[in-house]
Amino acid sequence: MPEVSLDFPRAWVEFADPDDAEQVFRCDLTWLTSSWTCIFGSGCAGIYRDRPLDGCCTLGAHFADKADEKRVAGFVKQLTPATWQLHGKGRAHWVEVDDEGARKTRVVDGACVFLNRPGFEGGYGCALHSLALERGMEPLETKPDVCWQLPVRRTYERVERPDGTEVLITSIGEYDRRGWGPGGHDLDWYCTGNTEAHVGREPVYVSYAPELRELMGAAAYAELVRHCEARLASPLVMVAPHPADATVR
């Protein structure tokens, strides 16, 4: 089945952050209860047709800030030639600057310097991701922020209420093609709206629990779980399910 449209009905829930009275979470239940899962190495077509084995690692990763880059740098030092295919080319020069002056992971031979290519004895895929798994850590601890957050998107909006008070609306939703900017529409393939990637055994809010806890905080995540479980347990027909899920097709 082809990729579904970007525009379809979604079910959202809003709730106050248990840890911050001035923050409200707005969460996309359609996305968070969907069956999406990462299929890198198991059917992922890659964002570019001519580089299907790169997944979404072709362009390299932009750092969120100096702290993000510094954290990653600490784990880069722990990589070895046995765990990082491009160790020789990348260890001394793994950061580059794009045309707009933003710092990012370097692209070498057409993809991110940390992407171990198929056939490498140390394993195919992100060297930083593999490092985390080998150490019993979460990949969010070793990888750039944008890498471990994808395809969950967190955005902020400062809103003034009718009574003059202000609240921060933090939205948690699907990082669809639009999240990549205008160039997102030019990607040859993208997973979040493709039926091929909606084959997870667990819904996103469960499979991405570590990432969501990091993005929201433990108390807010627990509240999100309550709403997601209520949605899935309801005897009524689900409102606004994700159109890429098998139950909708």
Protein backbone atom coordinates (compact mmCIF):
# COMPACT_ATOMS: atom_id res chain seq x y z
CA MET A 1 0.00 0.00 0.00
CA PRO A 2 1.40 3.48 -0.81
CA GLU A 3 2.23 6.07 1.82
CA VAL A 4 -0.86 7.58 3.40
CA SER A 5 -1.73 11.26 3.12
CA LEU A 6 -0.15 13.74 5.51
CA ASP A 7 -3.56 15.13 6.40
CA PHE A 8 -6.00 12.87 8.21
CA PRO A 9 -8.08 13.09 11.42
CA ARG A 10 -6.10 12.82 14.64
CA ALA A 11 -7.14 12.39 18.26
CA TRP A 12 -5.32 14.60 20.77
CA VAL A 13 -5.32 14.82 24.55
CA GLU A 14 -4.23 17.73 26.74
CA PHE A 15 -3.20 17.48 30.36
CA ALA A 16 -1.25 19.56 32.84
CA ASP A 17 2.32 18.55 33.57
CA PRO A 18 2.22 16.99 37.06
CA ASP A 19 5.66 18.50 37.74
CA ASP A 20 5.07 21.98 36.31
CA ALA A 21 1.86 23.97 36.73
CA GLU A 22 2.90 26.30 33.91
CA GLN A 23 3.21 23.55 31.29
CA VAL A 24 0.50 21.64 29.44
CA PHE A 25 1.18 18.61 27.27
CA ARG A 26 -0.73 18.16 24.02
CA CYS A 27 -0.22 14.61 22.80
CA ASP A 28 -1.20 12.97 19.52
CA LEU A 29 -2.93 9.75 20.57
CA THR A 30 -3.40 8.71 16.95
CA TRP A 31 0.38 8.52 16.55
CA LEU A 32 1.30 7.33 20.03
CA THR A 33 -1.13 4.40 19.94
CA SER A 34 -0.22 3.44 16.37
CA SER A 35 1.73 0.31 15.49
CA TRP A 36 4.66 2.13 13.88
CA THR A 37 8.09 0.65 14.52
CA CYS A 38 11.57 1.25 13.12
CA ILE A 39 12.26 -1.29 10.36
CA PHE A 40 15.89 -0.32 9.67
CA GLY A 41 17.55 -3.38 8.17
CA SER A 42 14.20 -5.16 7.93
CA GLY A 43 12.46 -3.56 4.99
CA CYS A 44 13.35 0.12 5.38
CA ALA A 45 13.67 1.59 1.89
CA GLY A 46 15.79 4.56 2.98
CA ILE A 47 14.91 8.19 2.44
CA TYR A 48 16.75 8.19 -0.90
CA ARG A 49 16.06 5.59 -3.56
CA ASP A 50 19.70 5.29 -4.59
CA ARG A 51 20.85 4.65 -0.99
CA PRO A 52 18.26 2.25 0.47
CA LEU A 53 20.63 0.77 3.05
CA ASP A 54 21.25 4.11 4.78
CA GLY A 55 17.78 4.37 6.31
CA CYS A 56 17.47 7.97 7.47
CA CYS A 57 21.22 8.27 8.14
CA THR A 58 22.20 9.66 4.74
CA LEU A 59 22.31 13.34 5.68
CA GLY A 60 24.10 13.19 9.02
CA ALA A 61 22.65 14.63 12.23
CA HIS A 62 22.49 18.27 13.32
CA PHE A 63 23.29 18.91 16.97
CA ALA A 64 20.63 20.54 19.10
CA ASP A 65 23.19 22.61 21.00
CA LYS A 66 26.70 22.53 22.46
CA ALA A 67 25.64 20.21 25.27
CA ASP A 68 24.30 17.70 22.76
CA GLU A 69 27.57 17.70 20.82
CA LYS A 70 29.66 17.46 24.00
CA ARG A 71 27.66 14.48 25.25
CA VAL A 72 28.05 12.64 21.95
CA ALA A 73 31.77 13.45 21.87
CA GLY A 74 32.26 11.56 25.10
CA PHE A 75 30.90 8.39 23.54
CA VAL A 76 32.73 8.86 20.24
CA LYS A 77 35.95 8.51 22.25
CA GLN A 78 34.77 5.08 23.37
CA LEU A 79 34.35 3.74 19.84
CA THR A 80 37.10 1.54 18.42
CA PRO A 81 38.05 0.28 14.95
CA ALA A 82 36.21 -2.93 15.88
CA THR A 83 32.94 -1.11 16.57
CA TRP A 84 33.16 1.83 14.16
CA GLN A 85 33.85 1.10 10.50
CA LEU A 86 35.00 4.64 9.66
CA HIS A 87 37.08 5.06 12.81
CA GLY A 88 40.19 5.82 10.76
CA LYS A 89 38.51 8.51 8.69
CA GLY A 90 36.27 9.93 11.35
CA ARG A 91 37.85 9.88 14.79
CA ALA A 92 39.75 13.14 14.33
CA HIS A 93 37.11 14.79 12.16
CA TRP A 94 33.53 13.66 12.78
CA VAL A 95 31.85 17.10 12.87
CA GLU A 96 31.21 19.39 9.92
CA VAL A 97 29.38 22.69 9.36
CA ASP A 98 26.51 22.97 6.88
CA ASP A 99 25.85 25.86 4.49
CA GLU A 100 24.01 27.77 7.21
CA GLY A 101 26.76 27.38 9.79
CA ALA A 102 25.07 24.68 11.86
CA ARG A 103 27.22 21.89 13.29
CA LYS A 104 26.38 18.29 12.43
CA THR A 105 27.87 14.84 12.12
CA ARG A 106 30.10 14.55 9.08
CA VAL A 107 28.96 12.81 5.91
CA VAL A 108 31.54 10.36 4.53
CA ASP A 109 31.08 8.31 1.37
CA GLY A 110 27.48 9.44 1.06
CA ALA A 111 26.17 8.88 4.59
CA CYS A 112 26.72 9.69 8.26
CA VAL A 113 30.23 8.95 9.46
CA PHE A 114 28.80 6.78 12.26
CA LEU A 115 26.83 4.50 9.93
CA ASN A 116 28.50 1.09 9.75
CA ARG A 117 27.80 -0.24 6.28
CA PRO A 118 26.52 -3.77 5.53
CA GLY A 119 29.24 -6.39 5.78
CA PHE A 120 31.20 -4.67 8.55
CA GLU A 121 32.26 -7.26 11.13
CA GLY A 122 31.32 -4.94 13.96
CA GLY A 123 27.70 -4.89 12.83
CA TYR A 124 25.51 -2.95 10.42
CA GLY A 125 23.91 0.30 11.59
CA CYS A 126 24.76 3.25 13.81
CA ALA A 127 27.98 2.72 15.76
CA LEU A 128 26.71 4.91 18.60
CA HIS A 129 23.45 2.96 18.77
CA SER A 130 25.34 -0.33 18.92
CA LEU A 131 27.63 1.06 21.62
CA ALA A 132 24.63 1.79 23.82
CA LEU A 133 23.19 -1.69 23.41
CA GLU A 134 26.54 -3.30 24.15
CA ARG A 135 26.87 -1.26 27.35
CA GLY A 136 23.31 -1.95 28.51
CA MET A 137 22.39 1.71 27.97
CA GLU A 138 19.58 3.40 26.08
CA PRO A 139 20.55 4.73 22.62
CA LEU A 140 19.24 8.14 23.69
CA GLU A 141 22.27 8.37 25.96
CA THR A 142 24.84 7.99 23.18
CA LYS A 143 23.24 9.39 20.00
CA PRO A 144 22.58 13.00 18.92
CA ASP A 145 19.22 14.30 20.15
CA VAL A 146 17.66 14.45 16.70
CA CYS A 147 18.52 10.80 16.06
CA TRP A 148 16.95 9.29 19.15
CA GLN A 149 13.93 11.58 19.09
CA LEU A 150 12.98 10.74 15.50
CA PRO A 151 10.19 10.05 14.62
CA VAL A 152 8.63 11.65 17.71
CA ARG A 153 8.38 15.42 17.40
CA ARG A 154 8.32 17.80 20.37
CA THR A 155 7.33 21.42 19.78
CA TYR A 156 6.65 24.36 22.07
CA GLU A 157 4.13 27.18 22.00
CA ARG A 158 3.74 29.93 24.59
CA VAL A 159 0.03 30.75 24.94
CA GLU A 160 -1.67 33.59 26.80
CA ARG A 161 -4.99 32.53 28.29
CA PRO A 162 -8.10 34.73 28.50
CA ASP A 163 -7.34 35.53 32.15
CA GLY A 164 -3.92 36.90 31.22
CA THR A 165 -1.89 33.96 32.50
CA GLU A 166 0.64 32.24 30.26
CA VAL A 167 1.19 28.54 29.78
CA LEU A 168 3.72 26.56 27.76
CA ILE A 169 2.02 24.09 25.42
CA THR A 170 4.38 21.22 24.68
CA SER A 171 3.18 19.05 21.82
CA ILE A 172 4.27 15.43 21.37
CA GLY A 173 3.40 13.98 18.00
CA GLU A 174 4.46 12.38 14.74
CA TYR A 175 7.62 13.59 13.03
CA ASP A 176 6.21 13.30 9.54
CA ARG A 177 7.70 14.58 6.29
CA ARG A 178 6.87 18.16 7.18
CA GLY A 179 9.17 17.96 10.19
CA TRP A 180 12.14 17.88 7.80
CA GLY A 181 11.19 21.26 6.35
CA PRO A 182 10.44 21.87 2.66
CA GLY A 183 12.90 19.15 1.68
CA GLY A 184 10.82 16.55 3.47
CA HIS A 185 8.47 16.38 0.52
CA ASP A 186 11.38 15.37 -1.72
CA LEU A 187 12.31 12.26 0.27
CA ASP A 188 11.82 9.16 -1.87
CA TRP A 189 10.44 7.13 1.04
CA TYR A 190 9.52 7.92 4.61
CA CYS A 191 8.45 5.52 7.32
CA THR A 192 5.89 7.18 9.58
CA GLY A 193 3.14 7.20 6.97
CA ASN A 194 4.08 3.93 5.28
CA THR A 195 2.11 0.79 6.02
CA GLU A 196 5.32 -1.24 5.80
CA ALA A 197 6.52 0.33 9.06
CA HIS A 198 3.22 -0.02 10.94
CA VAL A 199 3.94 -3.58 12.01
CA GLY A 200 5.06 -3.12 15.61
CA ARG A 201 4.03 -5.59 18.29
CA GLU A 202 3.62 -2.71 20.72
CA PRO A 203 2.17 0.77 20.24
CA VAL A 204 4.58 3.69 19.99
CA TYR A 205 3.93 4.91 23.54
CA VAL A 206 5.22 1.55 24.82
CA SER A 207 8.06 0.86 22.38
CA TYR A 208 9.34 4.44 22.77
CA ALA A 209 8.88 4.61 26.54
CA PRO A 210 12.51 5.60 27.34
CA GLU A 211 12.48 8.38 24.75
CA LEU A 212 9.10 9.70 25.85
CA ARG A 213 10.14 9.72 29.50
CA GLU A 214 13.19 11.75 28.53
CA LEU A 215 11.11 14.18 26.47
CA MET A 216 8.28 14.60 28.98
CA GLY A 217 9.48 13.55 32.41
CA ALA A 218 8.43 10.41 34.27
CA ALA A 219 5.26 11.83 35.83
CA ALA A 220 3.94 13.27 32.57
CA TYR A 221 4.76 10.05 30.74
CA ALA A 222 2.79 8.07 33.34
CA GLU A 223 -0.19 10.34 32.69
CA LEU A 224 0.21 9.82 28.95
CA VAL A 225 0.20 6.05 29.46
CA ARG A 226 -3.09 6.33 31.34
CA HIS A 227 -4.73 8.12 28.42
CA CYS A 228 -3.26 5.77 25.81
CA GLU A 229 -4.39 2.69 27.72
CA ALA A 230 -7.89 4.11 28.10
CA ARG A 231 -8.06 4.76 24.35
CA LEU A 232 -6.98 1.22 23.47
CA ALA A 233 -9.22 -0.40 26.08
CA SER A 234 -12.37 1.45 25.07
CA PRO A 235 -15.15 -0.85 23.78
CA LEU A 236 -16.19 1.86 21.36
CA VAL A 237 -14.89 2.13 17.81
CA MET A 238 -11.55 3.95 17.97
CA VAL A 239 -11.76 7.57 16.92
CA ALA A 240 -9.17 8.68 14.36
CA PRO A 241 -6.87 5.63 14.19
CA HIS A 242 -3.68 5.99 12.16
CA PRO A 243 -4.56 5.16 8.53
CA ALA A 244 -1.28 3.27 8.06
CA ASP A 245 -2.16 0.74 10.78
CA ALA A 246 -3.22 -2.73 9.62
CA THR A 247 -6.53 -2.49 11.50
CA VAL A 248 -7.52 0.46 9.31
CA ARG A 249 -6.48 -0.93 5.94
